[in-house]
Amino acid sequence: MNEQITFRCAQRTDVSLILNFIRGLADYEHMSDQVVANEALLEEWIFDKQKAEVIFAVLDGREVGFALFFHNFSTFLGRAGIYLEDLFVLPEYRGRGCGKGLLKKLAAIAIERGCGRLEWSCLDWNQPSIDFYLSLGAVQMSDWTGYRVTGETLERLAL
């Protein structure tokens, strides 16, 4: 089986598809109750404000995976990097090279844009993904702990 995976950038008309992938990922991560994104918000932030980008993996004429990413900046490297916020492949298409293809495509975009790195986070319990990332040569950042403020805490902090 020698399938050809292709990639395409999301267009404004893909907002509902992007939201479907986000919901699929949230379901996989047991976090469906946390999804408040809707089509209007995604259209505003991805396409109007251009704060993130999305690429799709296409197989058999169908979008079967997606990666949502944006630029961050490394003061130590003195250049931008790419932060992969979400990577998700439909369950029935896993094991066919789509996830690896998306990461390879993002690495190529990072190099093309002169970025210093490609990075992402992974839930501690998601051992299949951790094993996959390590097999690609990714390095686990065990010296770093992520922190976040949201909602009311974010609003209080801004006062």
N, C-alpha and C. Protein backbone atom coordinates (compact mmCIF):
# COMPACT_ATOMS: atom_id res chain seq x y z
N MET A 1 0.85 -1.17 0.00
CA MET A 1 0.00 0.00 0.00
C MET A 1 0.90 1.24 0.00
N ASN A 2 0.92 1.96 -1.12
CA ASN A 2 1.76 3.13 -1.27
C ASN A 2 0.88 4.35 -1.48
N GLU A 3 0.34 4.86 -0.41
CA GLU A 3 -0.59 5.96 -0.47
C GLU A 3 0.14 7.29 -0.52
N GLN A 4 -0.42 8.23 -1.24
CA GLN A 4 0.17 9.56 -1.36
C GLN A 4 -0.57 10.54 -0.45
N ILE A 5 0.11 10.99 0.59
CA ILE A 5 -0.45 11.99 1.48
C ILE A 5 -0.08 13.35 0.91
N THR A 6 -1.06 14.22 0.78
CA THR A 6 -0.79 15.58 0.37
C THR A 6 -1.19 16.52 1.50
N PHE A 7 -0.80 17.75 1.37
CA PHE A 7 -1.06 18.74 2.41
C PHE A 7 -1.62 20.00 1.76
N ARG A 8 -2.49 20.64 2.50
CA ARG A 8 -3.00 21.92 2.01
C ARG A 8 -3.25 22.86 3.19
N CYS A 9 -3.09 24.14 2.91
CA CYS A 9 -3.38 25.16 3.91
C CYS A 9 -4.88 25.36 4.01
N ALA A 10 -5.35 25.59 5.21
CA ALA A 10 -6.78 25.84 5.42
C ALA A 10 -7.18 27.17 4.80
N GLN A 11 -8.39 27.19 4.31
CA GLN A 11 -9.01 28.40 3.76
C GLN A 11 -10.16 28.80 4.69
N ARG A 12 -10.63 29.98 4.53
CA ARG A 12 -11.74 30.49 5.33
C ARG A 12 -12.94 29.54 5.27
N THR A 13 -13.17 28.92 4.14
CA THR A 13 -14.31 28.00 3.98
C THR A 13 -14.14 26.71 4.77
N ASP A 14 -12.97 26.51 5.38
CA ASP A 14 -12.68 25.29 6.15
C ASP A 14 -12.96 25.44 7.64
N VAL A 15 -13.55 26.53 8.06
CA VAL A 15 -13.72 26.79 9.50
C VAL A 15 -14.48 25.66 10.18
N SER A 16 -15.55 25.16 9.59
CA SER A 16 -16.31 24.08 10.24
C SER A 16 -15.47 22.80 10.30
N LEU A 17 -14.64 22.55 9.31
CA LEU A 17 -13.76 21.38 9.32
C LEU A 17 -12.72 21.52 10.42
N ILE A 18 -12.16 22.69 10.57
CA ILE A 18 -11.19 22.94 11.65
C ILE A 18 -11.84 22.67 13.00
N LEU A 19 -13.04 23.20 13.18
CA LEU A 19 -13.74 22.98 14.45
C LEU A 19 -14.02 21.50 14.68
N ASN A 20 -14.35 20.76 13.65
CA ASN A 20 -14.56 19.31 13.79
C ASN A 20 -13.29 18.61 14.25
N PHE A 21 -12.15 19.00 13.70
CA PHE A 21 -10.88 18.40 14.14
C PHE A 21 -10.57 18.77 15.59
N ILE A 22 -10.84 20.02 15.96
CA ILE A 22 -10.61 20.44 17.35
C ILE A 22 -11.48 19.61 18.29
N ARG A 23 -12.72 19.41 17.92
CA ARG A 23 -13.62 18.60 18.76
C ARG A 23 -13.16 17.14 18.81
N GLY A 24 -12.66 16.62 17.72
CA GLY A 24 -12.13 15.25 17.72
C GLY A 24 -10.94 15.11 18.64
N LEU A 25 -10.05 16.09 18.60
CA LEU A 25 -8.89 16.08 19.50
C LEU A 25 -9.33 16.19 20.95
N ALA A 26 -10.25 17.10 21.22
CA ALA A 26 -10.74 17.27 22.59
C ALA A 26 -11.37 15.99 23.12
N ASP A 27 -12.11 15.31 22.26
CA ASP A 27 -12.70 14.03 22.65
C ASP A 27 -11.61 13.01 22.98
N TYR A 28 -10.59 12.92 22.13
CA TYR A 28 -9.48 12.00 22.37
C TYR A 28 -8.77 12.31 23.69
N GLU A 29 -8.64 13.59 24.01
CA GLU A 29 -7.93 14.01 25.22
C GLU A 29 -8.85 14.08 26.43
N HIS A 30 -10.09 13.63 26.30
CA HIS A 30 -11.08 13.64 27.38
C HIS A 30 -11.30 15.06 27.90
N MET A 31 -11.35 16.02 26.98
CA MET A 31 -11.50 17.43 27.35
C MET A 31 -12.61 18.11 26.55
N SER A 32 -13.57 17.35 26.06
CA SER A 32 -14.63 17.92 25.23
C SER A 32 -15.39 19.03 25.93
N ASP A 33 -15.52 18.92 27.23
CA ASP A 33 -16.26 19.92 27.99
C ASP A 33 -15.55 21.28 28.04
N GLN A 34 -14.29 21.31 27.61
CA GLN A 34 -13.52 22.56 27.65
C GLN A 34 -13.55 23.33 26.33
N VAL A 35 -14.12 22.75 25.29
CA VAL A 35 -14.14 23.42 23.99
C VAL A 35 -15.24 24.48 23.99
N VAL A 36 -14.83 25.73 23.92
CA VAL A 36 -15.77 26.84 23.79
C VAL A 36 -15.63 27.51 22.43
N ALA A 37 -14.64 27.11 21.66
CA ALA A 37 -14.43 27.66 20.32
C ALA A 37 -15.67 27.40 19.47
N ASN A 38 -15.94 28.35 18.59
CA ASN A 38 -17.00 28.16 17.60
C ASN A 38 -16.48 28.68 16.27
N GLU A 39 -17.28 28.52 15.22
CA GLU A 39 -16.82 28.90 13.89
C GLU A 39 -16.50 30.39 13.79
N ALA A 40 -17.31 31.23 14.41
CA ALA A 40 -17.07 32.68 14.35
C ALA A 40 -15.74 33.05 15.00
N LEU A 41 -15.45 32.47 16.17
CA LEU A 41 -14.18 32.76 16.84
C LEU A 41 -12.99 32.27 16.01
N LEU A 42 -13.10 31.06 15.46
CA LEU A 42 -12.00 30.53 14.65
C LEU A 42 -11.77 31.38 13.42
N GLU A 43 -12.85 31.79 12.77
CA GLU A 43 -12.70 32.62 11.58
C GLU A 43 -12.01 33.95 11.93
N GLU A 44 -12.44 34.54 13.04
CA GLU A 44 -11.85 35.81 13.47
C GLU A 44 -10.36 35.67 13.77
N TRP A 45 -10.00 34.69 14.60
CA TRP A 45 -8.62 34.59 15.07
C TRP A 45 -7.66 33.94 14.08
N ILE A 46 -8.15 33.00 13.27
CA ILE A 46 -7.26 32.36 12.30
C ILE A 46 -7.17 33.17 11.01
N PHE A 47 -8.31 33.63 10.53
CA PHE A 47 -8.30 34.25 9.21
C PHE A 47 -8.33 35.78 9.23
N ASP A 48 -9.10 36.39 10.11
CA ASP A 48 -9.14 37.84 10.16
C ASP A 48 -7.89 38.40 10.86
N LYS A 49 -7.61 37.91 12.04
CA LYS A 49 -6.47 38.41 12.82
C LYS A 49 -5.17 37.68 12.49
N GLN A 50 -5.26 36.56 11.78
CA GLN A 50 -4.10 35.76 11.35
C GLN A 50 -3.16 35.43 12.50
N LYS A 51 -3.74 34.93 13.60
CA LYS A 51 -2.95 34.60 14.78
C LYS A 51 -2.53 33.13 14.81
N ALA A 52 -3.07 32.33 13.90
CA ALA A 52 -2.70 30.92 13.80
C ALA A 52 -2.89 30.48 12.37
N GLU A 53 -2.30 29.34 12.06
CA GLU A 53 -2.43 28.75 10.73
C GLU A 53 -2.82 27.29 10.89
N VAL A 54 -3.42 26.73 9.86
CA VAL A 54 -3.82 25.33 9.88
C VAL A 54 -3.41 24.69 8.56
N ILE A 55 -2.83 23.50 8.66
CA ILE A 55 -2.62 22.68 7.47
C ILE A 55 -3.34 21.36 7.68
N PHE A 56 -3.79 20.80 6.57
CA PHE A 56 -4.48 19.52 6.58
C PHE A 56 -3.63 18.48 5.88
N ALA A 57 -3.71 17.25 6.39
CA ALA A 57 -3.20 16.08 5.68
C ALA A 57 -4.38 15.51 4.90
N VAL A 58 -4.17 15.27 3.62
CA VAL A 58 -5.23 14.79 2.74
C VAL A 58 -4.83 13.42 2.20
N LEU A 59 -5.73 12.47 2.36
CA LEU A 59 -5.51 11.11 1.91
C LEU A 59 -6.82 10.59 1.34
N ASP A 60 -6.74 9.91 0.23
CA ASP A 60 -7.95 9.38 -0.41
C ASP A 60 -8.96 10.50 -0.70
N GLY A 61 -8.47 11.71 -1.00
CA GLY A 61 -9.33 12.83 -1.30
C GLY A 61 -10.06 13.42 -0.10
N ARG A 62 -9.64 13.06 1.10
CA ARG A 62 -10.31 13.51 2.32
C ARG A 62 -9.29 14.10 3.29
N GLU A 63 -9.68 15.18 3.97
CA GLU A 63 -8.84 15.74 5.02
C GLU A 63 -8.92 14.79 6.21
N VAL A 64 -7.79 14.20 6.55
CA VAL A 64 -7.77 13.16 7.58
C VAL A 64 -6.98 13.55 8.82
N GLY A 65 -6.30 14.69 8.76
CA GLY A 65 -5.54 15.16 9.90
C GLY A 65 -5.32 16.65 9.78
N PHE A 66 -5.03 17.27 10.92
CA PHE A 66 -4.76 18.70 10.88
C PHE A 66 -3.68 19.08 11.88
N ALA A 67 -3.05 20.19 11.61
CA ALA A 67 -2.09 20.78 12.54
C ALA A 67 -2.40 22.26 12.61
N LEU A 68 -2.59 22.77 13.83
CA LEU A 68 -2.80 24.19 14.05
C LEU A 68 -1.55 24.72 14.74
N PHE A 69 -0.97 25.78 14.19
CA PHE A 69 0.30 26.28 14.70
C PHE A 69 0.37 27.79 14.60
N PHE A 70 1.35 28.36 15.27
CA PHE A 70 1.58 29.80 15.22
C PHE A 70 3.05 30.05 15.55
N HIS A 71 3.47 31.28 15.30
CA HIS A 71 4.86 31.64 15.60
C HIS A 71 5.00 32.08 17.05
N ASN A 72 6.09 31.66 17.64
CA ASN A 72 6.52 32.18 18.93
C ASN A 72 7.90 32.80 18.71
N PHE A 73 8.57 33.16 19.77
CA PHE A 73 9.88 33.78 19.59
C PHE A 73 10.84 33.30 20.67
N SER A 74 12.04 32.97 20.26
CA SER A 74 13.09 32.57 21.20
C SER A 74 14.08 33.71 21.34
N THR A 75 14.14 34.28 22.54
CA THR A 75 15.12 35.34 22.78
C THR A 75 16.54 34.78 22.73
N PHE A 76 16.73 33.54 23.15
CA PHE A 76 18.06 32.95 23.15
C PHE A 76 18.55 32.72 21.72
N LEU A 77 17.65 32.28 20.83
CA LEU A 77 18.03 32.06 19.43
C LEU A 77 17.97 33.36 18.62
N GLY A 78 17.21 34.32 19.12
CA GLY A 78 17.08 35.58 18.41
C GLY A 78 16.24 35.47 17.16
N ARG A 79 15.34 34.51 17.14
CA ARG A 79 14.49 34.32 15.96
C ARG A 79 13.19 33.63 16.35
N ALA A 80 12.26 33.67 15.44
CA ALA A 80 10.97 33.03 15.66
C ALA A 80 11.10 31.51 15.60
N GLY A 81 10.11 30.87 16.20
CA GLY A 81 9.96 29.42 16.08
C GLY A 81 8.51 29.15 15.72
N ILE A 82 8.21 27.89 15.56
CA ILE A 82 6.83 27.48 15.33
C ILE A 82 6.38 26.68 16.54
N TYR A 83 5.23 27.04 17.08
CA TYR A 83 4.63 26.29 18.16
C TYR A 83 3.42 25.55 17.60
N LEU A 84 3.46 24.24 17.71
CA LEU A 84 2.37 23.38 17.27
C LEU A 84 1.38 23.25 18.42
N GLU A 85 0.23 23.87 18.27
CA GLU A 85 -0.79 23.85 19.32
C GLU A 85 -1.55 22.53 19.30
N ASP A 86 -1.95 22.10 18.11
CA ASP A 86 -2.75 20.88 17.98
C ASP A 86 -2.32 20.07 16.78
N LEU A 87 -2.25 18.77 16.97
CA LEU A 87 -2.02 17.81 15.90
C LEU A 87 -3.01 16.68 16.13
N PHE A 88 -3.79 16.35 15.11
CA PHE A 88 -4.79 15.31 15.27
C PHE A 88 -5.01 14.62 13.93
N VAL A 89 -5.05 13.30 13.98
CA VAL A 89 -5.35 12.47 12.82
C VAL A 89 -6.56 11.62 13.17
N LEU A 90 -7.51 11.55 12.26
CA LEU A 90 -8.69 10.73 12.50
C LEU A 90 -8.28 9.30 12.84
N PRO A 91 -8.94 8.68 13.82
CA PRO A 91 -8.52 7.35 14.28
C PRO A 91 -8.36 6.32 13.18
N GLU A 92 -9.27 6.32 12.22
CA GLU A 92 -9.21 5.30 11.17
C GLU A 92 -8.06 5.52 10.18
N TYR A 93 -7.36 6.65 10.29
CA TYR A 93 -6.23 6.93 9.39
C TYR A 93 -4.89 6.93 10.11
N ARG A 94 -4.89 6.60 11.39
CA ARG A 94 -3.63 6.55 12.13
C ARG A 94 -2.79 5.36 11.66
N GLY A 95 -1.49 5.52 11.80
CA GLY A 95 -0.58 4.45 11.39
C GLY A 95 -0.31 4.44 9.91
N ARG A 96 -0.73 5.46 9.19
CA ARG A 96 -0.53 5.52 7.74
C ARG A 96 0.41 6.65 7.33
N GLY A 97 1.07 7.26 8.33
CA GLY A 97 2.06 8.28 8.04
C GLY A 97 1.55 9.70 8.03
N CYS A 98 0.30 9.90 8.37
CA CYS A 98 -0.27 11.26 8.34
C CYS A 98 0.31 12.16 9.41
N GLY A 99 0.42 11.67 10.64
CA GLY A 99 0.99 12.48 11.71
C GLY A 99 2.44 12.83 11.44
N LYS A 100 3.20 11.83 11.04
CA LYS A 100 4.61 12.09 10.71
C LYS A 100 4.70 13.05 9.53
N GLY A 101 3.82 12.89 8.56
CA GLY A 101 3.81 13.79 7.42
C GLY A 101 3.52 15.23 7.82
N LEU A 102 2.56 15.42 8.72
CA LEU A 102 2.26 16.77 9.19
C LEU A 102 3.46 17.39 9.92
N LEU A 103 4.13 16.60 10.75
CA LEU A 103 5.31 17.12 11.46
C LEU A 103 6.44 17.44 10.49
N LYS A 104 6.63 16.59 9.49
CA LYS A 104 7.65 16.86 8.48
C LYS A 104 7.32 18.13 7.71
N LYS A 105 6.05 18.32 7.38
CA LYS A 105 5.62 19.52 6.68
C LYS A 105 5.87 20.76 7.54
N LEU A 106 5.55 20.68 8.83
CA LEU A 106 5.80 21.80 9.74
C LEU A 106 7.30 22.09 9.86
N ALA A 107 8.12 21.04 9.91
CA ALA A 107 9.57 21.24 9.97
C ALA A 107 10.05 21.95 8.70
N ALA A 108 9.51 21.57 7.56
CA ALA A 108 9.89 22.22 6.31
C ALA A 108 9.46 23.69 6.30
N ILE A 109 8.27 23.97 6.82
CA ILE A 109 7.79 25.36 6.91
C ILE A 109 8.71 26.15 7.83
N ALA A 110 9.09 25.56 8.96
CA ALA A 110 9.98 26.24 9.91
C ALA A 110 11.31 26.58 9.23
N ILE A 111 11.87 25.65 8.52
CA ILE A 111 13.15 25.89 7.84
C ILE A 111 12.98 26.93 6.74
N GLU A 112 11.92 26.82 5.96
CA GLU A 112 11.66 27.77 4.89
C GLU A 112 11.52 29.20 5.42
N ARG A 113 10.93 29.34 6.60
CA ARG A 113 10.72 30.66 7.20
C ARG A 113 11.90 31.12 8.05
N GLY A 114 12.94 30.32 8.15
CA GLY A 114 14.11 30.70 8.92
C GLY A 114 13.94 30.56 10.43
N CYS A 115 12.97 29.77 10.85
CA CYS A 115 12.71 29.59 12.27
C CYS A 115 13.81 28.77 12.94
N GLY A 116 13.98 28.99 14.23
CA GLY A 116 15.02 28.29 14.98
C GLY A 116 14.58 26.97 15.58
N ARG A 117 13.25 26.75 15.67
CA ARG A 117 12.80 25.50 16.27
C ARG A 117 11.31 25.28 16.02
N LEU A 118 10.94 24.04 16.25
CA LEU A 118 9.55 23.59 16.21
C LEU A 118 9.30 22.91 17.54
N GLU A 119 8.27 23.35 18.23
CA GLU A 119 8.02 22.76 19.55
C GLU A 119 6.53 22.61 19.80
N TRP A 120 6.21 21.76 20.79
CA TRP A 120 4.83 21.47 21.15
C TRP A 120 4.80 20.86 22.53
N SER A 121 3.60 20.68 23.05
CA SER A 121 3.40 20.02 24.34
C SER A 121 2.57 18.77 24.12
N CYS A 122 2.68 17.86 25.08
CA CYS A 122 1.92 16.61 25.00
C CYS A 122 1.48 16.25 26.42
N LEU A 123 0.26 15.78 26.53
CA LEU A 123 -0.24 15.36 27.84
C LEU A 123 0.60 14.20 28.39
N ASP A 124 0.87 14.23 29.68
CA ASP A 124 1.74 13.22 30.31
C ASP A 124 1.23 11.80 30.13
N TRP A 125 -0.09 11.61 30.08
CA TRP A 125 -0.64 10.26 30.00
C TRP A 125 -0.67 9.71 28.57
N ASN A 126 -0.38 10.54 27.59
CA ASN A 126 -0.52 10.14 26.19
C ASN A 126 0.73 9.42 25.68
N GLN A 127 0.97 8.23 26.22
CA GLN A 127 2.19 7.49 25.90
C GLN A 127 2.33 7.15 24.41
N PRO A 128 1.26 6.80 23.69
CA PRO A 128 1.44 6.55 22.25
C PRO A 128 2.02 7.76 21.52
N SER A 129 1.54 8.95 21.84
CA SER A 129 2.07 10.15 21.20
C SER A 129 3.49 10.44 21.66
N ILE A 130 3.75 10.27 22.94
CA ILE A 130 5.11 10.49 23.46
C ILE A 130 6.09 9.57 22.75
N ASP A 131 5.76 8.31 22.63
CA ASP A 131 6.63 7.35 21.94
C ASP A 131 6.85 7.75 20.49
N PHE A 132 5.78 8.19 19.83
CA PHE A 132 5.86 8.65 18.45
C PHE A 132 6.81 9.83 18.32
N TYR A 133 6.65 10.84 19.18
CA TYR A 133 7.50 12.02 19.11
C TYR A 133 8.97 11.67 19.38
N LEU A 134 9.20 10.83 20.36
CA LEU A 134 10.57 10.43 20.66
C LEU A 134 11.19 9.67 19.49
N SER A 135 10.39 8.87 18.79
CA SER A 135 10.90 8.11 17.64
C SER A 135 11.34 9.03 16.51
N LEU A 136 10.82 10.25 16.48
CA LEU A 136 11.20 11.22 15.46
C LEU A 136 12.42 12.05 15.85
N GLY A 137 12.91 11.82 17.08
CA GLY A 137 14.06 12.56 17.55
C GLY A 137 13.72 13.76 18.40
N ALA A 138 12.45 13.93 18.73
CA ALA A 138 12.06 15.04 19.61
C ALA A 138 12.65 14.82 21.00
N VAL A 139 12.94 15.91 21.68
CA VAL A 139 13.52 15.86 23.01
C VAL A 139 12.47 16.36 24.00
N GLN A 140 12.23 15.55 25.03
CA GLN A 140 11.28 15.93 26.06
C GLN A 140 11.91 17.00 26.95
N MET A 141 11.19 18.08 27.18
CA MET A 141 11.69 19.20 27.96
C MET A 141 11.35 18.99 29.43
N SER A 142 12.01 18.05 30.06
CA SER A 142 11.66 17.68 31.43
C SER A 142 12.06 18.74 32.46
N ASP A 143 12.90 19.67 32.08
CA ASP A 143 13.31 20.72 33.01
C ASP A 143 12.32 21.87 33.09
N TRP A 144 11.29 21.83 32.25
CA TRP A 144 10.34 22.93 32.15
C TRP A 144 8.96 22.47 32.58
N THR A 145 8.25 23.34 33.27
CA THR A 145 6.87 23.07 33.65
C THR A 145 6.00 24.18 33.08
N GLY A 146 4.94 23.80 32.39
CA GLY A 146 4.05 24.79 31.81
C GLY A 146 3.15 25.41 32.86
N TYR A 147 2.83 26.68 32.68
CA TYR A 147 1.91 27.39 33.56
C TYR A 147 0.89 28.10 32.70
N ARG A 148 -0.30 28.33 33.27
CA ARG A 148 -1.37 28.95 32.52
C ARG A 148 -2.29 29.71 33.45
N VAL A 149 -2.77 30.85 32.99
CA VAL A 149 -3.85 31.56 33.66
C VAL A 149 -4.95 31.78 32.63
N THR A 150 -6.19 31.55 33.05
CA THR A 150 -7.33 31.71 32.15
C THR A 150 -8.50 32.31 32.92
N GLY A 151 -9.53 32.68 32.18
CA GLY A 151 -10.79 33.09 32.77
C GLY A 151 -10.65 34.16 33.82
N GLU A 152 -11.30 33.94 34.97
CA GLU A 152 -11.31 34.93 36.05
C GLU A 152 -9.91 35.20 36.59
N THR A 153 -9.06 34.18 36.63
CA THR A 153 -7.69 34.37 37.10
C THR A 153 -6.95 35.30 36.17
N LEU A 154 -7.11 35.15 34.89
CA LEU A 154 -6.49 36.03 33.91
C LEU A 154 -7.00 37.46 34.08
N GLU A 155 -8.29 37.60 34.27
CA GLU A 155 -8.87 38.93 34.46
C GLU A 155 -8.35 39.60 35.73
N ARG A 156 -8.23 38.83 36.82
CA ARG A 156 -7.69 39.39 38.08
C ARG A 156 -6.24 39.81 37.89
N LEU A 157 -5.48 39.01 37.19
CA LEU A 157 -4.07 39.31 36.98
C LEU A 157 -3.89 40.60 36.18
N ALA A 158 -4.80 40.86 35.28
CA ALA A 158 -4.71 42.05 34.42
C ALA A 158 -5.05 43.35 35.16
N LEU A 159 -5.62 43.26 36.37
CA LEU A 159 -6.01 44.46 37.13
C LEU A 159 -4.81 45.15 37.74
